[in-house]
Structure formats: C-alpha cells, structure tokens
Amino acid sequence: MASLDWSECPLGESVPGRLNGAWVFRDTRMPVSAIFENFKAGASVEEIIEQFDVTREQINAVLEFVVRSLAG
C-alpha cells in the first residue's frame, strides 16, 4: 500500500502526533491499515465493523479508493 497517495482519500487523514502520523479514518484513531491487516487475517467486513468503530460505508469507500488508485 506504500505506493498509494492516501492524501487523495477523502476519508483519511494523517495527524502528526496521532498514532505517529499513521493514516487513520478521519476524526478517529482507527488506522486505515487495520482494515487490510484484518482482511489478511481472514476477518469479514461484518467482523471488522463489530470490532472497530467504522461503518460499512467507510470500509467500502477505502476499498474503492484503493481499487481506483491501483487501476489508474
């Protein structure tokens, strides 16, 4: 994911001093990378929603951003 320009993702933000500047869902402390780590570990969207304070729409928007970025 290092090649993605997360500054172009409207749902994400990197705030110096918050989680060492990691990209998080806007106005949260939830790292965007946690979504992908959980998918890699076999978690479903429903499990991620239950475990973290994110919505299906947020997850879908991040996935769509990644697909568009990698396709373009």
Protein backbone atom coordinates (compact mmCIF):
# COMPACT_ATOMS: atom_id res chain seq x y z
CA MET A 1 0.00 0.00 0.00
CA ALA A 2 3.02 2.28 0.20
CA SER A 3 2.55 3.40 -3.41
CA LEU A 4 -0.90 4.85 -2.73
CA ASP A 5 -1.30 8.58 -2.15
CA TRP A 6 -3.54 8.48 0.91
CA SER A 7 -3.76 12.27 0.90
CA GLU A 8 -6.16 11.81 -2.02
CA CYS A 9 -8.53 9.67 0.06
CA PRO A 10 -11.29 11.90 1.48
CA LEU A 11 -11.95 9.54 4.39
CA GLY A 12 -8.40 9.52 5.67
CA GLU A 13 -6.13 11.88 7.50
CA SER A 14 -2.63 11.84 8.92
CA VAL A 15 -2.23 13.99 12.01
CA PRO A 16 1.27 14.47 13.43
CA GLY A 17 1.26 13.18 16.98
CA ARG A 18 -1.74 10.92 16.46
CA LEU A 19 -0.61 7.30 16.07
CA ASN A 20 2.79 8.52 14.86
CA GLY A 21 1.21 10.19 11.84
CA ALA A 22 -0.34 6.96 10.52
CA TRP A 23 -3.24 7.34 8.11
CA VAL A 24 -6.47 6.97 10.06
CA PHE A 25 -10.15 7.29 9.28
CA ARG A 26 -10.97 10.99 9.54
CA ASP A 27 -11.80 12.13 13.08
CA THR A 28 -10.85 8.73 14.57
CA ARG A 29 -7.80 6.91 15.85
CA MET A 30 -8.60 3.89 13.65
CA PRO A 31 -5.67 3.19 11.29
CA VAL A 32 -6.71 2.51 7.72
CA SER A 33 -4.06 -0.21 7.65
CA ALA A 34 -6.02 -2.15 10.29
CA ILE A 35 -8.72 -2.84 7.71
CA PHE A 36 -6.22 -4.56 5.43
CA GLU A 37 -4.48 -6.37 8.30
CA ASN A 38 -7.83 -7.78 9.41
CA PHE A 39 -8.76 -8.86 5.88
CA LYS A 40 -5.38 -10.58 5.59
CA ALA A 41 -6.09 -12.39 8.86
CA GLY A 42 -9.40 -13.65 7.43
CA ALA A 43 -11.85 -11.23 9.04
CA SER A 44 -15.06 -10.37 7.24
CA VAL A 45 -16.43 -6.86 6.77
CA GLU A 46 -19.04 -7.63 9.41
CA GLU A 47 -16.36 -8.70 11.91
CA ILE A 48 -14.35 -5.54 11.27
CA ILE A 49 -17.46 -3.37 11.76
CA GLU A 50 -18.19 -5.15 15.06
CA GLN A 51 -14.61 -4.92 16.31
CA PHE A 52 -13.81 -1.35 15.28
CA ASP A 53 -15.70 1.91 15.23
CA VAL A 54 -16.13 2.06 11.44
CA THR A 55 -19.07 1.74 9.11
CA ARG A 56 -19.58 -0.42 6.05
CA GLU A 57 -19.63 2.79 4.00
CA GLN A 58 -16.20 3.80 5.33
CA ILE A 59 -14.74 0.39 4.54
CA ASN A 60 -16.28 0.37 1.07
CA ALA A 61 -15.04 3.88 0.33
CA VAL A 62 -11.47 2.98 1.30
CA LEU A 63 -11.59 -0.19 -0.80
CA GLU A 64 -12.95 1.79 -3.77
CA PHE A 65 -10.16 4.34 -3.32
CA VAL A 66 -7.54 1.58 -3.40
CA VAL A 67 -9.05 -0.03 -6.50
CA ARG A 68 -9.24 3.31 -8.34
CA SER A 69 -5.69 4.21 -7.33
CA LEU A 70 -4.22 0.91 -8.43
CA ALA A 71 -6.20 0.88 -11.69
CA GLY A 72 -5.16 4.38 -12.69
